[in-house]
Protein backbone atom coordinates (compact mmCIF):
# COMPACT_ATOMS: atom_id res chain seq x y z
CA MET A 1 -4.70 19.40 4.21
CA GLU A 2 -6.28 16.02 4.10
CA ASP A 3 -8.17 16.40 1.19
CA THR A 4 -5.18 17.23 -1.11
CA ARG A 5 -3.89 14.50 -3.49
CA GLN A 6 -0.99 12.79 -1.64
CA ALA A 7 1.38 9.80 -2.42
CA LYS A 8 3.54 7.63 -0.35
CA LEU A 9 6.09 4.82 -1.12
CA VAL A 10 5.50 2.26 1.50
CA HIS A 11 7.72 -0.60 2.79
CA ILE A 12 6.01 -3.44 4.86
CA SER A 13 7.69 -6.24 6.45
CA GLY A 14 7.07 -9.22 8.54
CA ARG A 15 5.15 -12.26 7.24
CA VAL A 16 3.79 -10.41 4.38
CA GLN A 17 4.40 -12.92 1.50
CA GLY A 18 2.56 -16.07 0.94
CA VAL A 19 -0.46 -14.70 2.73
CA SER A 20 -2.31 -12.80 -0.20
CA PHE A 21 -1.15 -9.50 1.02
CA ARG A 22 -0.80 -8.04 -2.57
CA VAL A 23 -4.45 -9.13 -3.29
CA TRP A 24 -5.58 -7.85 0.13
CA THR A 25 -3.79 -4.61 -0.59
CA ARG A 26 -5.25 -3.99 -3.94
CA MET A 27 -9.03 -4.63 -2.41
CA GLU A 28 -8.44 -2.33 0.20
CA ALA A 29 -6.79 0.35 -1.92
CA GLN A 30 -9.77 0.23 -4.31
CA LYS A 31 -12.31 0.44 -1.46
CA LEU A 32 -10.41 3.77 -0.53
CA GLY A 33 -10.28 4.89 -4.14
CA LEU A 34 -6.49 4.71 -4.23
CA SER A 35 -4.52 4.29 -7.25
CA GLY A 36 -0.88 2.94 -7.28
CA TRP A 37 0.79 -0.44 -7.27
CA VAL A 38 1.91 -3.22 -5.01
CA ARG A 39 4.65 -5.73 -5.27
CA ASN A 40 6.56 -8.52 -3.57
CA GLU A 41 10.57 -8.06 -3.15
CA PRO A 42 13.05 -10.47 -3.11
CA ASP A 43 14.00 -9.83 0.50
CA GLY A 44 10.48 -11.08 1.69
CA THR A 45 9.06 -7.60 2.01
CA VAL A 46 6.24 -5.80 0.15
CA THR A 47 6.58 -2.39 -1.46
CA ALA A 48 3.56 -0.33 -2.41
CA LEU A 49 2.81 3.03 -4.01
CA ILE A 50 -0.37 4.54 -2.71
CA ALA A 51 -1.90 7.80 -4.24
CA GLY A 52 -5.17 9.58 -3.57
CA ARG A 53 -7.01 11.85 -1.29
CA GLY A 54 -4.99 12.42 2.19
CA ALA A 55 -7.52 10.99 4.54
CA ALA A 56 -7.84 7.75 2.06
CA VAL A 57 -3.81 7.62 2.15
CA SER A 58 -3.83 7.60 5.76
CA SER A 59 -6.32 5.30 6.10
CA MET A 60 -4.48 2.92 4.12
CA LEU A 61 -1.28 3.38 6.16
CA GLU A 62 -2.96 2.36 9.24
CA ARG A 63 -4.77 -0.75 7.28
CA PHE A 64 -1.22 -1.88 6.62
CA TRP A 65 -0.46 -2.59 10.09
CA GLN A 66 -3.06 -5.39 10.11
CA GLY A 67 -3.04 -6.91 6.77
CA PRO A 68 -5.06 -9.91 5.55
CA PRO A 69 -5.60 -12.94 7.64
CA GLY A 70 -2.32 -14.88 8.13
CA ALA A 71 -0.03 -11.92 7.69
CA SER A 72 2.04 -10.41 10.69
CA VAL A 73 3.34 -7.00 10.20
CA SER A 74 6.54 -5.95 11.98
CA SER A 75 6.94 -2.49 10.30
CA VAL A 76 5.64 -0.20 7.70
CA LYS A 77 7.91 2.53 6.88
CA PHE A 78 7.00 5.14 4.21
CA GLY A 79 7.88 8.40 2.56
CA ASP A 80 6.56 11.02 0.17
CA ALA A 81 6.23 10.03 -3.32
CA ASN A 82 5.05 11.83 -6.59
CA ALA A 83 1.46 11.19 -6.94
CA GLY A 84 1.89 11.68 -10.93
CA ASP A 85 4.16 8.33 -10.70
CA ALA A 86 0.99 6.36 -9.85
CA PRO A 87 -1.18 4.64 -12.57
CA THR A 88 -4.84 5.70 -12.70
CA ASP A 89 -5.91 2.30 -11.26
CA PHE A 90 -4.49 0.02 -8.59
CA ARG A 91 -2.08 -2.76 -9.67
CA ILE A 92 -0.39 -5.90 -8.62
CA THR A 93 3.09 -6.07 -10.09
CA SER A 94 5.96 -8.56 -9.89
């Protein structure tokens, strides 16, 4: 059901570092009422944990494909995660 709380662990690749992807992700997630975190990975990808209402999670998964200006997303892979692992707000981590 779309209104139940969901969580997804998302891996985004392409030109996603050095283009403010983490800041953009936090702003978009906050607009959608999501909690979680986003971080850069040493291999040049970005990982995010997003949690919230099903419709909002689905919308964020779609938004990841566009990203901020300057980004060029080549892959968005995700799997189920535990919503209890998400913080109560949305954070940028390392």
